[in-house]
Amino acid sequence: MSGPEFGVRPRGLCRGAALTLVFAGALATVSATGSWSDEDGRQPSSAIRPAGVSADRDAVSRAAAAAVADGKSGKKAAQEEVSRSGDRWGAVYDPAEYREFAQSLDGEYTGVGLWAKRLADGGVQVARVQPGSPAAKAGVRKGDTLRTIDGHPVDRRPVTEVVSLLRGERAGSPSGTSSPAGTSVSLGLRRGTHTWTEKLRRATLDTEAVTVEKLSDGSLLIKVASFTRGSGERVREAVRGAPAGKGVLLDLRGNAGGLVGEAVTAASAFLDGGLVATYDDRGRQRALHAQPGGDTERPVVALVDGGTMSAAELAVGALQDRGRALTVGSRTFGKGSVQKPSRLADGSVAELTVGHYRTPAGHNLDGRGITPDLAVTERARERAQTVLSGLQGGS
């Protein structure tokens, strides 16, 4: 397992006019559009819930207000109310956690720019260094062995713990709030026989959610790691710039979700308007539509796996149902419940289930996921490229 030094909360968050589907996964990053206001003007977001299980928003708000009036923690009272409700994925953020998660939705994180992976012998290796990051400027390279973080040995630690140490997550913070930009972290490193210690300062960095690669046959690989702000338009730009007559391999493996508006925009790259998904909001039906003018002719193959979740499933479901993409890989995770945030008396935010979304063909993905057209467990990318080559005439 590998990933950058930021973790993901299995919770939802909504800012401004953003409709969100939130990921759950240890090492993934976390829209513009979909302004569906509730009576009080707040905007909906979503995470995944067991069907039919929801906490009562008013009851949660009352519990928090009563606790604050008694000089107690409104957040703790709200968490207890959500827990009693059975809303298993219900979330309560304090203001600082809310702000940090908002930053991640904006496609930013605080860290030093390292991706880490576990080796077979239990060691931890630098899998990637983000260009321009503190780690890159200090000369840290891919393949270096990470020995210690602030004096703590990392051998045989789960990568999630390594990530927490790199981010400087504060003890006792349930959503892993990291140390701010400007704080320092000391890394013990090894390259061959050379060992040294490097002191770095954390910085606010872009998540690089979308990467584009031209393949040997001229087709385009677009990897979307998460649907952070601006990622959908980057997908559209990449498709518009793709070579004529060549296909697109859309890699959504390990994409644990993000912002629904961005997923809709990404799907719009391959659609000329029309339905992307429907959404029930406390019994009221809503619809998400693609923007007009997308490329409806270019062959598309979507790569998916069990780490494809939430907003990523929404995009894949739309492309599959509307015949715009063949899907290759393994069954997706199956997340599709919707929640809305409520501001509590002490400034905390509770997010509670309000409904579910469905694909254009009416499929409810919650707990079911998407079954790919071609089920592949090994060499999935190679198989997907073969399929794409066939679709574009083998050229």
Protein backbone atom coordinates (compact mmCIF):
# COMPACT_ATOMS: atom_id res chain seq x y z
CA MET A 1 0.00 0.00 0.00
CA SER A 2 1.25 3.46 -0.78
CA GLY A 3 0.05 7.02 -0.67
CA PRO A 4 0.90 10.59 0.21
CA GLU A 5 1.31 11.75 3.76
CA PHE A 6 -2.28 12.70 4.30
CA GLY A 7 -5.13 10.53 5.44
CA VAL A 8 -8.78 10.48 4.49
CA ARG A 9 -11.74 10.64 6.78
CA PRO A 10 -14.70 8.34 6.12
CA ARG A 11 -16.98 11.32 6.38
CA GLY A 12 -18.63 13.99 4.29
CA LEU A 13 -18.13 17.71 4.05
CA CYS A 14 -19.83 20.40 2.05
CA ARG A 15 -18.58 23.90 1.34
CA GLY A 16 -20.25 26.65 -0.64
CA ALA A 17 -22.17 25.16 -3.54
CA ALA A 18 -20.37 21.87 -3.46
CA LEU A 19 -22.17 18.55 -3.35
CA THR A 20 -19.81 15.93 -2.06
CA LEU A 21 -19.45 12.19 -1.96
CA VAL A 22 -16.81 11.38 0.57
CA PHE A 23 -14.25 8.62 0.50
CA ALA A 24 -13.30 6.03 3.06
CA GLY A 25 -9.81 4.71 2.77
CA ALA A 26 -6.53 5.06 4.55
CA LEU A 27 -4.41 6.67 1.84
CA ALA A 28 -6.34 8.61 -0.70
CA THR A 29 -6.89 12.23 -1.10
CA VAL A 30 -9.79 13.63 -0.70
CA SER A 31 -17.18 20.77 -7.05
CA ALA A 32 -18.49 23.14 -8.23
CA THR A 33 -22.21 22.72 -8.98
CA GLY A 34 -25.16 20.92 -7.51
CA SER A 35 -26.38 23.77 -5.34
CA TRP A 36 -29.30 22.06 -3.70
CA SER A 37 -30.17 24.19 -0.70
CA ASP A 38 -31.97 22.98 2.36
CA GLU A 39 -34.44 25.27 4.07
CA ASP A 40 -31.69 26.94 6.09
CA GLY A 41 -29.47 27.53 3.08
CA ARG A 42 -26.92 24.79 3.81
CA GLN A 43 -25.80 22.65 0.96
CA PRO A 44 -25.94 18.84 0.85
CA SER A 45 -23.00 16.53 0.92
CA SER A 46 -22.82 12.81 1.15
CA ALA A 47 -21.06 9.85 2.58
CA ILE A 48 -22.06 6.24 2.78
CA ARG A 49 -24.65 4.86 5.12
CA PRO A 50 -26.52 1.59 5.52
CA ALA A 51 -29.84 2.06 3.73
CA GLY A 52 -32.61 3.39 5.94
CA VAL A 53 -30.40 4.28 8.91
CA SER A 54 -30.21 7.97 9.75
CA ALA A 55 -29.76 10.18 12.78
CA ASP A 56 -32.33 12.88 13.49
CA ARG A 57 -30.76 16.26 12.77
CA ASP A 58 -32.92 18.15 15.27
CA ALA A 59 -32.17 15.66 18.03
CA VAL A 60 -28.43 15.95 17.39
CA SER A 61 -28.63 19.75 17.43
CA ARG A 62 -30.65 19.76 20.66
CA ALA A 63 -28.19 17.41 22.36
CA ALA A 64 -25.26 19.62 21.36
CA ALA A 65 -27.01 22.82 22.46
CA ALA A 66 -27.94 21.33 25.84
CA ALA A 67 -24.36 20.20 26.42
CA VAL A 68 -22.98 23.65 25.56
CA ALA A 69 -25.49 25.27 27.93
CA ASP A 70 -24.19 23.00 30.69
CA GLY A 71 -20.58 23.93 29.91
CA LYS A 72 -19.87 20.58 28.28
CA SER A 73 -18.65 19.58 24.83
CA GLY A 74 -21.30 20.00 22.17
CA LYS A 75 -19.27 17.88 19.79
CA LYS A 76 -19.11 14.97 22.24
CA ALA A 77 -22.85 15.15 22.90
CA ALA A 78 -23.54 15.19 19.16
CA GLN A 79 -21.25 12.21 18.61
CA GLU A 80 -23.08 10.24 21.30
CA GLU A 81 -26.44 11.06 19.71
CA VAL A 82 -25.23 10.00 16.26
CA SER A 83 -23.81 6.79 17.72
CA ARG A 84 -27.12 5.93 19.42
CA SER A 85 -29.02 6.57 16.20
CA GLY A 86 -27.28 3.75 14.32
CA ASP A 87 -26.13 6.16 11.61
CA ARG A 88 -22.90 4.17 11.41
CA TRP A 89 -21.03 6.64 9.24
CA GLY A 90 -22.43 9.77 10.83
CA ALA A 91 -19.70 12.31 11.48
CA VAL A 92 -19.14 15.26 13.78
CA TYR A 93 -16.27 17.71 13.15
CA ASP A 94 -14.93 20.40 15.43
CA PRO A 95 -14.20 23.71 13.66
CA ALA A 96 -10.49 22.96 13.15
CA GLU A 97 -11.20 19.53 11.69
CA TYR A 98 -13.84 21.04 9.42
CA ARG A 99 -11.40 23.64 8.13
CA GLU A 100 -8.69 21.05 7.45
CA PHE A 101 -11.05 18.73 5.64
CA ALA A 102 -12.25 21.69 3.57
CA GLN A 103 -8.62 22.23 2.57
CA SER A 104 -8.38 18.64 1.36
CA LEU A 105 -11.51 19.09 -0.76
CA ASP A 106 -9.81 22.08 -2.34
CA GLY A 107 -7.07 19.72 -3.52
CA GLU A 108 -4.55 20.72 -0.89
CA TYR A 109 -2.88 19.04 2.06
CA THR A 110 -0.22 19.84 4.61
CA GLY A 111 2.89 17.68 4.50
CA VAL A 112 6.37 17.29 3.05
CA GLY A 113 5.55 15.67 -0.29
CA LEU A 114 6.35 11.99 0.25
CA TRP A 115 4.50 8.84 -0.74
CA ALA A 116 5.48 5.76 1.26
CA LYS A 117 5.11 2.01 0.74
CA ARG A 118 5.80 -1.10 2.78
CA LEU A 119 8.40 -3.56 1.52
CA ALA A 120 8.22 -7.32 1.88
CA ASP A 121 10.73 -7.25 4.74
CA GLY A 122 8.64 -4.71 6.67
CA GLY A 123 10.76 -1.71 5.76
CA VAL A 124 9.27 1.55 4.52
CA GLN A 125 10.43 3.02 1.24
CA VAL A 126 9.83 6.37 -0.43
CA ALA A 127 7.56 5.50 -3.36
CA ARG A 128 7.36 8.98 -4.83
CA VAL A 129 8.49 12.53 -4.15
CA GLN A 130 6.26 15.41 -5.21
CA PRO A 131 8.14 17.90 -7.40
CA GLY A 132 8.71 21.23 -5.70
CA SER A 133 7.84 19.87 -2.25
CA PRO A 134 10.01 20.24 0.86
CA ALA A 135 11.19 16.65 0.43
CA ALA A 136 12.17 17.25 -3.19
CA LYS A 137 14.03 20.45 -2.34
CA ALA A 138 15.96 18.57 0.37
CA GLY A 139 17.10 15.96 -2.15
CA VAL A 140 14.98 13.03 -0.94
CA ARG A 141 14.52 10.54 -3.79
CA LYS A 142 12.23 7.73 -4.79
CA GLY A 143 13.71 4.47 -3.47
CA ASP A 144 15.24 5.98 -0.33
CA THR A 145 14.50 4.00 2.81
CA LEU A 146 12.57 5.83 5.51
CA ARG A 147 14.01 4.72 8.86
CA THR A 148 12.60 7.12 11.46
CA ILE A 149 10.18 10.04 11.76
CA ASP A 150 10.91 12.42 14.65
CA GLY A 151 12.98 9.64 16.19
CA HIS A 152 10.23 7.01 15.93
CA PRO A 153 11.31 3.87 14.02
CA VAL A 154 8.92 3.10 11.16
CA ASP A 155 10.00 -0.44 10.26
CA ARG A 156 7.00 -2.79 10.26
CA ARG A 157 4.57 0.02 11.02
CA PRO A 158 1.41 0.13 8.88
CA VAL A 159 1.66 2.80 6.20
CA THR A 160 -1.32 4.54 7.81
CA GLU A 161 0.78 5.11 10.95
CA VAL A 162 3.70 6.34 8.85
CA VAL A 163 1.32 8.80 7.20
CA SER A 164 0.11 10.01 10.60
CA LEU A 165 3.67 10.64 11.77
CA LEU A 166 4.57 12.51 8.57
CA ARG A 167 1.50 14.69 8.88
CA GLY A 168 2.08 15.28 12.59
CA GLU A 169 -1.43 14.24 13.52
CA ARG A 170 -2.44 15.39 16.96
CA ALA A 171 -3.05 12.68 19.54
CA GLY A 172 -6.69 12.30 20.45
CA SER A 173 -8.00 13.90 17.27
CA PRO A 174 -10.55 11.46 15.80
CA SER A 175 -10.14 12.73 12.27
CA GLY A 176 -6.38 13.05 12.42
CA THR A 177 -5.91 16.80 12.27
CA SER A 178 -2.35 17.41 11.10
CA SER A 179 0.27 19.86 12.28
CA PRO A 180 0.09 23.16 10.36
CA ALA A 181 2.34 24.34 7.56
CA GLY A 182 5.65 25.63 8.87
CA THR A 183 6.04 22.99 11.58
CA SER A 184 9.10 20.77 11.30
CA VAL A 185 9.58 17.01 11.03
CA SER A 186 12.85 15.08 11.19
CA LEU A 187 13.32 12.11 8.84
CA GLY A 188 15.92 9.39 9.24
CA LEU A 189 16.81 8.13 5.76
CA ARG A 190 19.06 5.58 4.08
CA ARG A 191 20.30 5.38 0.49
CA GLY A 192 22.50 2.37 -0.10
CA THR A 193 25.05 2.42 2.73
CA HIS A 194 24.60 6.12 3.43
CA THR A 195 22.36 7.10 6.35
CA TRP A 196 21.44 10.63 7.32
CA THR A 197 18.80 12.79 9.03
CA GLU A 198 16.87 15.49 7.18
CA LYS A 199 14.83 18.18 8.93
CA LEU A 200 11.95 19.40 6.78
CA ARG A 201 9.22 21.98 7.26
CA ARG A 202 5.68 21.01 6.33
CA ALA A 203 4.01 23.07 3.62
CA THR A 204 0.62 23.41 1.96
CA LEU A 205 0.83 21.33 -1.22
CA ASP A 206 -1.42 20.42 -4.13
CA THR A 207 -2.68 16.85 -4.19
CA GLU A 208 -2.05 16.33 -7.93
CA ALA A 209 -5.38 14.53 -8.27
CA VAL A 210 -5.19 14.16 -12.07
CA THR A 211 -2.21 12.90 -14.07
CA VAL A 212 -2.11 12.43 -17.84
CA GLU A 213 0.14 10.12 -19.83
CA LYS A 214 0.37 9.44 -23.56
CA LEU A 215 0.64 5.70 -24.17
CA SER A 216 2.82 4.05 -26.82
CA ASP A 217 -0.09 3.58 -29.24
CA GLY A 218 -1.06 7.25 -29.01
CA SER A 219 -4.03 6.77 -26.70
CA LEU A 220 -4.31 8.74 -23.48
CA LEU A 221 -4.17 7.49 -19.91
CA ILE A 222 -5.98 9.80 -17.48
CA LYS A 223 -5.49 8.79 -13.85
CA VAL A 224 -7.86 10.45 -11.38
CA ALA A 225 -6.73 9.77 -7.82
CA SER A 226 -9.59 11.75 -6.26
CA PHE A 227 -12.24 14.26 -7.22
CA THR A 228 -10.88 17.39 -5.57
CA ARG A 229 -11.75 20.89 -6.70
CA GLY A 230 -10.77 21.51 -10.32
CA SER A 231 -10.13 17.85 -11.16
CA GLY A 232 -13.20 17.51 -13.38
CA GLU A 233 -12.15 20.38 -15.62
CA ARG A 234 -8.62 18.94 -15.85
CA VAL A 235 -10.14 15.72 -17.18
CA ARG A 236 -12.16 17.69 -19.74
CA GLU A 237 -9.07 19.59 -20.87
CA ALA A 238 -7.10 16.36 -21.26
CA VAL A 239 -9.84 14.79 -23.38
CA ARG A 240 -10.12 17.89 -25.57
CA GLY A 241 -6.36 17.70 -26.17
CA ALA A 242 -6.22 13.97 -26.90
CA PRO A 243 -4.98 12.91 -30.37
CA ALA A 244 -7.72 12.52 -32.98
CA GLY A 245 -8.94 8.97 -33.40
CA LYS A 246 -7.30 7.75 -30.21
CA GLY A 247 -9.05 6.44 -27.14
CA VAL A 248 -8.90 7.27 -23.45
CA LEU A 249 -8.05 4.92 -20.61
CA LEU A 250 -9.73 6.45 -17.56
CA ASP A 251 -8.06 4.97 -14.47
CA LEU A 252 -10.24 5.32 -11.36
CA ARG A 253 -8.66 2.50 -9.37
CA GLY A 254 -8.18 3.50 -5.76
CA ASN A 255 -10.24 6.66 -6.29
CA ALA A 256 -12.18 6.81 -3.06
CA GLY A 257 -14.36 9.71 -4.14
CA GLY A 258 -14.43 13.42 -3.51
CA LEU A 259 -16.66 16.16 -4.84
CA VAL A 260 -19.75 15.16 -6.77
CA GLY A 261 -19.66 18.27 -8.92
CA GLU A 262 -16.16 17.35 -10.06
CA ALA A 263 -17.23 13.78 -10.85
CA VAL A 264 -20.13 15.13 -12.93
CA THR A 265 -17.76 17.48 -14.77
CA ALA A 266 -15.38 14.60 -15.47
CA ALA A 267 -18.21 12.45 -16.82
CA SER A 268 -19.26 15.43 -18.97
CA ALA A 269 -15.97 15.08 -20.87
CA PHE A 270 -17.49 12.03 -22.57
CA LEU A 271 -21.18 13.01 -22.69
CA ASP A 272 -23.25 15.62 -24.49
CA GLY A 273 -25.55 16.56 -21.65
CA GLY A 274 -28.08 14.14 -20.20
CA LEU A 275 -28.52 12.37 -16.89
CA VAL A 276 -25.56 11.42 -14.70
CA ALA A 277 -27.38 10.40 -11.53
CA THR A 278 -30.52 10.95 -9.49
CA TYR A 279 -30.54 11.82 -5.83
CA ASP A 280 -33.22 11.62 -3.17
CA ASP A 281 -33.11 14.31 -0.52
CA ARG A 282 -35.52 13.43 2.31
CA GLY A 283 -37.97 12.06 -0.26
CA ARG A 284 -37.50 14.84 -2.83
CA GLN A 285 -35.97 13.70 -6.12
CA ARG A 286 -33.08 15.63 -7.61
CA ALA A 287 -31.08 15.04 -10.78
CA LEU A 288 -27.49 15.67 -11.82
CA HIS A 289 -26.91 16.36 -15.51
CA ALA A 290 -23.78 16.39 -17.63
CA GLN A 291 -22.64 19.57 -19.29
CA PRO A 292 -23.20 19.63 -23.08
CA GLY A 293 -20.43 19.41 -25.63
CA GLY A 294 -18.45 16.40 -24.44
CA ASP A 295 -16.66 13.95 -26.75
CA THR A 296 -19.20 11.25 -27.60
CA GLU A 297 -17.15 9.43 -30.26
CA ARG A 298 -13.76 8.68 -28.74
CA PRO A 299 -13.41 5.10 -27.33
CA VAL A 300 -13.24 5.02 -23.53
CA VAL A 301 -12.23 2.24 -21.15
CA ALA A 302 -12.63 2.80 -17.41
CA LEU A 303 -10.36 0.92 -15.00
CA VAL A 304 -11.97 0.20 -11.60
CA ASP A 305 -11.35 -1.88 -8.50
CA GLY A 306 -12.54 -2.33 -4.93
CA GLY A 307 -11.01 1.03 -4.04
CA THR A 308 -13.25 2.86 -6.53
CA MET A 309 -15.85 4.50 -4.30
CA SER A 310 -18.51 7.18 -3.95
CA ALA A 311 -18.15 10.00 -6.48
CA ALA A 312 -15.89 7.79 -8.61
CA GLU A 313 -18.65 5.18 -8.76
CA LEU A 314 -21.14 7.87 -9.71
CA ALA A 315 -18.99 8.83 -12.72
CA VAL A 316 -18.36 5.21 -13.76
CA GLY A 317 -22.03 4.32 -13.34
CA ALA A 318 -23.05 7.13 -15.67
CA LEU A 319 -20.52 6.21 -18.36
CA GLN A 320 -21.40 2.51 -18.15
CA ASP A 321 -25.18 2.97 -18.13
CA ARG A 322 -25.08 5.38 -21.04
CA GLY A 323 -22.84 3.18 -23.15
CA ARG A 324 -19.89 5.58 -23.16
CA ALA A 325 -17.30 3.36 -21.53
CA LEU A 326 -16.39 -0.27 -21.18
CA THR A 327 -15.34 -1.04 -17.62
CA VAL A 328 -12.43 -3.33 -16.79
CA GLY A 329 -11.21 -4.52 -13.39
CA SER A 330 -12.95 -5.74 -10.25
CA ARG A 331 -16.23 -4.83 -8.56
CA THR A 332 -16.27 -1.35 -7.04
CA PHE A 333 -16.80 -0.72 -3.35
CA GLY A 334 -20.49 0.21 -3.33
CA LYS A 335 -21.10 3.57 -1.65
CA GLY A 336 -24.03 5.81 -2.40
CA SER A 337 -25.76 7.38 0.60
CA VAL A 338 -26.26 11.11 0.95
CA GLN A 339 -25.86 13.37 3.95
CA LYS A 340 -26.18 17.04 4.82
CA PRO A 341 -24.11 19.10 7.27
CA SER A 342 -25.60 20.98 10.21
CA ARG A 343 -23.80 23.65 12.21
CA LEU A 344 -24.02 22.97 15.96
CA ALA A 345 -24.13 25.36 18.90
CA ASP A 346 -20.37 25.30 19.53
CA GLY A 347 -19.41 25.66 15.86
CA SER A 348 -19.00 21.94 15.27
CA VAL A 349 -20.56 20.35 12.19
CA ALA A 350 -22.63 17.15 12.12
CA GLU A 351 -23.29 15.32 8.88
CA LEU A 352 -26.27 12.99 8.77
CA THR A 353 -27.85 10.69 6.20
CA VAL A 354 -30.72 12.06 4.13
CA GLY A 355 -30.95 9.73 1.13
CA HIS A 356 -29.28 7.79 -1.68
CA TYR A 357 -28.28 8.35 -5.29
CA ARG A 358 -28.89 6.12 -8.33
CA THR A 359 -27.22 5.72 -11.71
CA PRO A 360 -29.04 6.75 -14.93
CA ALA A 361 -30.47 3.24 -15.29
CA GLY A 362 -31.81 3.40 -11.73
CA HIS A 363 -29.21 1.22 -10.04
CA ASN A 364 -28.65 1.79 -6.32
CA LEU A 365 -24.94 1.15 -5.78
CA ASP A 366 -24.95 1.30 -2.00
CA GLY A 367 -23.60 -2.02 -0.76
CA ARG A 368 -23.59 -3.43 -4.31
CA GLY A 369 -21.01 -1.56 -6.33
CA ILE A 370 -20.49 -1.71 -10.08
CA THR A 371 -19.75 -4.99 -11.84
CA PRO A 372 -17.21 -4.34 -14.63
CA ASP A 373 -17.89 -5.45 -18.18
CA LEU A 374 -14.62 -7.38 -18.11
CA ALA A 375 -13.72 -8.81 -14.71
CA VAL A 376 -9.94 -8.84 -14.26
CA THR A 377 -7.92 -9.43 -11.09
CA GLU A 378 -4.40 -9.43 -12.53
CA ARG A 379 -2.65 -7.21 -15.08
CA ALA A 380 -5.77 -5.07 -15.25
CA ARG A 381 -4.11 -2.12 -16.95
CA GLU A 382 -2.57 -4.34 -19.62
CA ARG A 383 -5.94 -5.95 -20.32
CA ALA A 384 -7.65 -2.56 -20.40
CA GLN A 385 -5.12 -1.25 -22.92
CA THR A 386 -5.76 -4.30 -25.11
CA VAL A 387 -9.49 -3.64 -25.00
CA LEU A 388 -8.95 0.05 -25.82
CA SER A 389 -6.68 -0.84 -28.73
CA GLY A 390 -9.40 -3.05 -30.14
CA LEU A 391 -12.02 -0.33 -29.77
CA GLN A 392 -9.88 2.17 -31.66
CA GLY A 393 -9.17 -0.28 -34.45
CA GLY A 394 -5.84 -1.61 -33.19
CA SER A 395 -4.03 1.47 -34.44
